[in-house]
Protein backbone atom coordinates (compact mmCIF):
# COMPACT_ATOMS: atom_id res chain seq x y z
CA MET A 1 3.28 46.38 12.00
CA THR A 2 1.59 43.42 13.53
CA LEU A 3 -1.05 43.41 16.20
CA THR A 4 -0.59 40.53 18.63
CA LEU A 5 -3.28 39.36 20.85
CA THR A 6 -2.25 36.85 23.39
CA LEU A 7 -4.84 34.82 25.34
CA ARG A 8 -3.89 35.39 29.26
CA GLU A 9 -5.41 31.59 30.18
CA ALA A 10 -7.66 29.08 28.44
CA PRO A 11 -11.23 29.96 28.71
CA ALA A 12 -13.53 28.40 31.11
CA ALA A 13 -16.31 28.20 28.74
CA PRO A 14 -16.38 28.36 24.77
CA LEU A 15 -15.18 31.68 23.52
CA ARG A 16 -16.74 33.08 20.20
CA ALA A 17 -14.09 35.14 18.44
CA GLU A 18 -15.48 36.15 15.20
CA ALA A 19 -14.51 39.83 15.84
CA LEU A 20 -10.96 39.29 15.92
CA ARG A 21 -10.45 39.66 12.24
CA PRO A 22 -7.68 41.84 10.22
CA ASP A 23 -10.25 43.57 8.33
CA GLU A 24 -12.61 44.67 11.25
CA LEU A 25 -9.74 45.42 13.47
CA ALA A 26 -7.43 47.73 10.93
CA GLY A 27 -7.58 51.29 11.98
CA LEU A 28 -8.42 50.59 15.73
CA GLY A 29 -6.52 52.07 18.55
CA ARG A 30 -5.54 49.66 21.40
CA SER A 31 -8.07 50.85 23.42
CA GLU A 32 -10.65 50.47 21.28
CA ILE A 33 -9.49 46.79 20.58
CA GLU A 34 -9.54 46.24 24.26
CA ARG A 35 -13.17 47.25 24.89
CA LEU A 36 -14.64 45.00 21.82
CA ALA A 37 -17.25 42.21 23.13
CA LEU A 38 -16.83 38.95 22.71
CA TRP A 39 -19.20 36.07 23.79
CA HIS A 40 -17.60 33.89 26.47
CA GLY A 41 -20.19 31.13 27.23
CA ASN A 42 -23.34 32.82 27.94
CA ARG A 43 -22.17 36.17 28.96
CA GLN A 44 -19.87 39.11 27.32
CA ALA A 45 -16.68 39.92 28.05
CA SER A 46 -14.04 42.49 26.83
CA VAL A 47 -11.06 41.28 24.50
CA GLY A 48 -9.21 43.54 27.37
CA ASP A 49 -10.52 41.00 30.16
CA LEU A 50 -9.16 38.08 27.90
CA PHE A 51 -6.22 39.26 26.06
CA ASP A 52 -3.32 41.10 26.20
CA VAL A 53 -2.93 43.58 23.40
CA SER A 54 0.31 44.41 21.50
CA GLY A 55 0.20 47.38 19.22
CA ASP A 56 -2.69 48.77 17.36
CA GLY A 57 -5.38 47.38 14.54
CA ALA A 58 -3.66 46.35 11.62
CA ASP A 59 -4.35 44.21 8.73
CA ASP A 60 -1.64 41.58 10.19
CA VAL A 61 -3.12 39.91 13.39
CA ARG A 62 -1.47 37.10 15.27
CA VAL A 63 -3.43 35.46 18.11
CA GLU A 64 -1.45 33.42 20.36
CA GLY A 65 -2.28 31.18 23.60
CA ASP A 66 -4.50 28.33 24.15
CA LEU A 67 -7.10 28.69 21.46
CA ALA A 68 -8.66 25.04 21.27
CA ARG A 69 -11.63 26.16 22.80
CA VAL A 70 -11.86 29.58 20.74
CA SER A 71 -14.44 29.47 17.83
CA GLY A 72 -14.62 31.33 14.62
CA LEU A 73 -11.28 33.01 14.61
CA GLY A 74 -11.25 34.60 10.99
CA ALA A 75 -14.61 33.98 10.48
CA GLY A 76 -16.03 35.97 7.56
CA MET A 77 -12.85 37.78 7.24
CA GLY A 78 -12.69 39.91 4.12
CA GLY A 79 -8.91 40.50 4.01
CA GLY A 80 -5.38 40.51 5.79
CA ARG A 81 -3.42 38.29 7.36
CA LEU A 82 -4.35 36.40 10.54
CA THR A 83 -1.79 33.79 12.34
CA VAL A 84 -3.15 31.63 14.72
CA ALA A 85 -0.21 30.52 16.99
CA GLY A 86 -1.21 26.99 18.15
CA PRO A 87 -4.36 24.93 17.79
CA ALA A 88 -7.83 26.85 16.62
CA GLY A 89 -11.22 25.83 17.95
CA PRO A 90 -13.98 25.05 15.63
CA HIS A 91 -15.23 27.55 12.65
CA VAL A 92 -11.82 29.00 12.03
CA GLY A 93 -12.20 30.56 8.88
CA ALA A 94 -15.48 29.61 8.08
CA GLY A 95 -17.54 31.96 5.54
CA MET A 96 -14.31 33.80 4.94
CA ARG A 97 -13.70 35.91 1.75
CA GLU A 98 -10.53 37.23 1.22
CA GLY A 99 -7.23 37.33 2.90
CA GLU A 100 -5.14 34.52 4.34
CA ILE A 101 -5.16 32.52 7.61
CA VAL A 102 -2.62 30.36 9.00
CA VAL A 103 -2.85 27.97 11.85
CA GLU A 104 0.03 26.83 13.31
CA GLY A 105 -1.34 23.94 14.98
CA ASP A 106 -4.46 21.73 14.49
CA ALA A 107 -8.22 23.06 13.52
CA GLY A 108 -11.22 22.07 14.95
CA ASP A 109 -14.17 21.15 13.17
CA TRP A 110 -15.77 23.08 10.56
CA ALA A 111 -12.59 24.60 9.48
CA GLY A 112 -13.04 26.95 6.40
CA ALA A 113 -17.06 25.84 6.31
CA GLU A 114 -18.91 27.68 3.42
CA MET A 115 -15.94 29.82 2.82
CA ARG A 116 -15.94 31.98 -0.35
CA GLY A 117 -12.39 32.91 -1.04
CA GLY A 118 -9.04 33.61 0.34
CA ARG A 119 -6.73 30.87 1.66
CA LEU A 120 -6.71 29.11 4.80
CA VAL A 121 -3.70 27.00 5.68
CA VAL A 122 -3.46 24.53 8.57
CA ARG A 123 -0.26 23.31 9.78
CA GLY A 124 -1.56 20.57 11.75
CA SER A 125 -4.63 18.27 11.22
CA ALA A 126 -8.25 19.49 10.78
CA GLY A 127 -11.52 18.12 12.17
CA ARG A 128 -14.81 17.03 10.64
CA ARG A 129 -16.39 18.95 7.43
CA LEU A 130 -13.38 20.86 6.69
CA GLY A 131 -14.72 23.69 4.04
CA GLY A 132 -17.99 21.72 4.31
CA ALA A 133 -21.98 22.89 4.52
CA TYR A 134 -23.45 23.59 7.54
CA ALA A 135 -26.84 21.34 8.63
CA GLY A 136 -29.73 22.72 6.32
CA SER A 137 -27.38 24.18 3.54
CA ARG A 138 -26.80 22.82 0.15
CA ALA A 139 -23.70 24.46 -0.86
CA GLY A 140 -20.29 24.28 1.58
CA MET A 141 -17.12 25.64 0.34
CA ARG A 142 -17.79 28.58 -2.57
CA GLY A 143 -14.09 29.51 -3.27
CA GLY A 144 -10.58 29.63 -2.22
CA GLU A 145 -8.13 27.24 -1.14
CA ILE A 146 -7.70 25.38 2.23
CA LEU A 147 -4.32 23.55 2.58
CA VAL A 148 -3.90 21.07 5.37
CA HIS A 149 -0.40 19.93 6.10
CA GLY A 150 -1.89 16.82 8.49
CA GLU A 151 -4.91 15.13 8.07
CA ALA A 152 -8.74 15.98 8.10
CA GLY A 153 -11.81 14.16 9.30
CA ASP A 154 -14.84 12.98 8.02
CA GLY A 155 -17.05 14.98 5.27
CA ALA A 156 -13.93 17.30 4.26
CA GLY A 157 -15.69 19.15 0.97
CA ALA A 158 -19.27 18.36 1.66
CA GLY A 159 -21.28 20.34 -0.66
CA LEU A 160 -18.17 21.83 -2.32
CA ARG A 161 -19.23 24.30 -5.14
CA ARG A 162 -15.92 25.68 -5.88
CA GLY A 163 -12.26 25.92 -4.89
CA LEU A 164 -9.58 23.51 -4.11
CA ILE A 165 -9.08 21.60 -0.91
CA ALA A 166 -5.68 19.85 -0.41
CA VAL A 167 -4.71 17.55 2.39
CA ALA A 168 -1.43 16.04 2.76
CA GLY A 169 -2.32 13.24 4.96
CA ARG A 170 -5.38 11.02 5.37
CA ALA A 171 -8.79 12.11 4.59
CA GLY A 172 -11.95 10.45 6.71
CA ASP A 173 -15.02 9.08 5.52
CA ALA A 174 -17.34 10.64 2.82
CA THR A 175 -14.94 13.03 1.34
CA GLY A 176 -16.63 15.10 -1.38
CA LEU A 177 -20.13 14.09 0.05
CA ASN A 178 -22.79 15.92 -2.32
CA ALA A 179 -19.89 17.77 -4.06
CA ALA A 180 -21.12 19.89 -7.14
CA ALA A 181 -17.78 21.81 -8.35
CA GLY A 182 -14.38 22.03 -7.21
CA THR A 183 -11.30 19.93 -6.70
CA ILE A 184 -10.00 17.85 -3.72
CA VAL A 185 -6.62 16.51 -3.61
CA VAL A 186 -5.90 13.71 -1.02
CA LEU A 187 -1.95 12.77 -0.97
CA GLY A 188 -2.63 10.34 2.21
CA ALA A 189 -5.14 7.40 2.35
CA LEU A 190 -8.68 8.31 1.31
CA GLY A 191 -11.43 7.10 3.35
CA ALA A 192 -14.55 5.10 2.57
CA ASN A 193 -17.58 6.33 0.61
CA ALA A 194 -15.65 9.10 -1.14
CA GLY A 195 -17.89 10.75 -3.56
CA ALA A 196 -21.12 10.06 -2.38
CA GLY A 197 -23.99 12.03 -4.11
CA MET A 198 -21.12 13.91 -6.09
CA ARG A 199 -22.16 15.48 -9.06
CA ARG A 200 -19.44 17.36 -10.74
CA ALA A 201 -16.28 17.93 -8.67
CA SER A 202 -12.61 15.87 -8.97
CA ILE A 203 -11.73 13.87 -6.24
CA VAL A 204 -7.83 12.99 -6.58
CA ALA A 205 -6.27 10.09 -4.42
CA MET A 206 -2.91 8.82 -4.53
CA THR A 207 -3.86 5.29 -2.92
CA GLY A 208 -6.27 3.06 -4.15
CA PRO A 209 -9.64 3.97 -2.48
CA ARG A 210 -12.38 1.83 -1.69
CA LEU A 211 -14.78 3.07 -4.08
CA LEU A 212 -18.70 2.89 -4.04
CA PRO A 213 -20.21 0.57 -6.19
CA THR A 214 -21.76 3.31 -8.09
CA TYR A 215 -18.43 4.37 -9.60
CA VAL A 216 -17.41 3.19 -12.93
CA ARG A 217 -13.92 3.05 -14.58
CA ALA A 218 -13.77 5.00 -17.62
CA CYS A 219 -10.49 5.58 -18.81
CA THR A 220 -6.45 5.99 -17.66
CA TYR A 221 -4.56 9.35 -18.83
CA ARG A 222 -2.49 11.91 -17.50
CA PRO A 223 -5.08 14.87 -16.81
CA GLU A 224 -3.49 18.07 -17.61
CA PHE A 225 -5.13 20.41 -15.35
CA LEU A 226 -3.94 18.12 -12.25
CA ARG A 227 -0.37 18.47 -13.45
CA LEU A 228 -0.76 22.37 -12.93
CA VAL A 229 -2.75 21.94 -9.51
CA LEU A 230 0.03 19.72 -8.17
CA ARG A 231 2.73 21.75 -9.11
CA ARG A 232 0.96 24.72 -7.51
CA LEU A 233 0.35 22.94 -4.22
CA ARG A 234 4.24 22.01 -4.06
CA GLU A 235 4.92 25.51 -4.50
CA LEU A 236 2.66 26.11 -1.68
CA GLY A 237 4.88 23.99 0.63
CA LEU A 238 2.69 20.38 0.08
CA PRO A 239 4.68 17.06 -0.16
CA VAL A 240 4.03 16.63 -4.20
CA THR A 241 6.60 14.28 -5.71
CA ASP A 242 7.29 14.15 -9.64
CA GLU A 243 5.76 10.75 -9.83
CA GLN A 244 2.30 11.97 -8.71
CA ILE A 245 2.71 15.28 -10.99
CA ASP A 246 3.90 13.30 -13.81
CA GLY A 247 1.92 9.97 -13.40
CA ARG A 248 -1.14 8.46 -15.10
CA TYR A 249 -4.69 8.45 -13.32
CA THR A 250 -7.48 6.11 -13.71
CA ARG A 251 -10.68 8.13 -13.89
CA TRP A 252 -13.69 6.66 -12.20
CA SER A 253 -17.05 8.41 -13.02
CA GLY A 254 -19.82 8.76 -10.56
CA ASP A 255 -21.84 8.91 -8.76
CA ALA A 256 -24.44 6.98 -10.61
CA VAL A 257 -27.21 8.47 -8.40
CA GLU A 258 -26.23 11.83 -10.15
CA LEU A 259 -25.61 10.83 -13.68
CA ARG A 260 -21.87 10.00 -13.54
CA ARG A 261 -20.61 13.74 -13.96
CA GLY A 262 -18.19 13.68 -11.00
CA GLU A 263 -14.67 11.98 -10.99
CA ILE A 264 -12.42 10.38 -8.67
CA LEU A 265 -8.69 10.31 -10.15
CA VAL A 266 -6.58 7.44 -8.90
CA LEU A 267 -2.75 7.42 -9.41
CA GLU A 268 -1.89 4.24 -11.13
CA ALA A 269 0.78 2.07 -9.36
CA PRO A 270 4.35 2.40 -10.91
């Protein structure tokens, strides 16, 4: 059975909702859930003060309402499924370890920041630093999958260490900033300065990006690992074409300031 939490009205101040995680709510009764405390601006409020609660705690949770100012939905999640019926505020899925989060609208900045596992699906667009590292941290996303059906802001995959980020639309500037491993696939346009400071990660672009001068052309080939990745993304609902799966890609090696061990793969024009 699904536990449904319906926000009565848009919060007057930012609302922190890290407690609304399936793995934390599972097994709790309705009254226990209503008594849970959330930070609303600089004061605490109970879940029951802000949300209508339908059902008891379960590993399948649905949150409804105007959630654009609600931050941290599913942050640190360790299992279960969370559906955000509409837009989500910043930090959705940040640090999540297992389970699945589906945002049916747009997601704010820092979606999936420093996540370690699980899957985050954004049906709309995502803000800045998708799967990125927080200020002062060297490591961003360390595992799992992030799928964005719209666009992503600047700094997607900043500090990426492991895992897969896929964006169906445009990705902003500095995609893959300081990334050390993992894969970023951009089906739309790729912004400027992609792969700046990148060490070992892979960025895949379907249109010719404006590359940094610290990248050099290495070869043109059909990467077998990429065929598998793209087939999986199509199975998961992203608009991947046969031409992208079967196409030839030019490999650009860089960043030269990091010994050229990273790569940007650019689909060759037919």
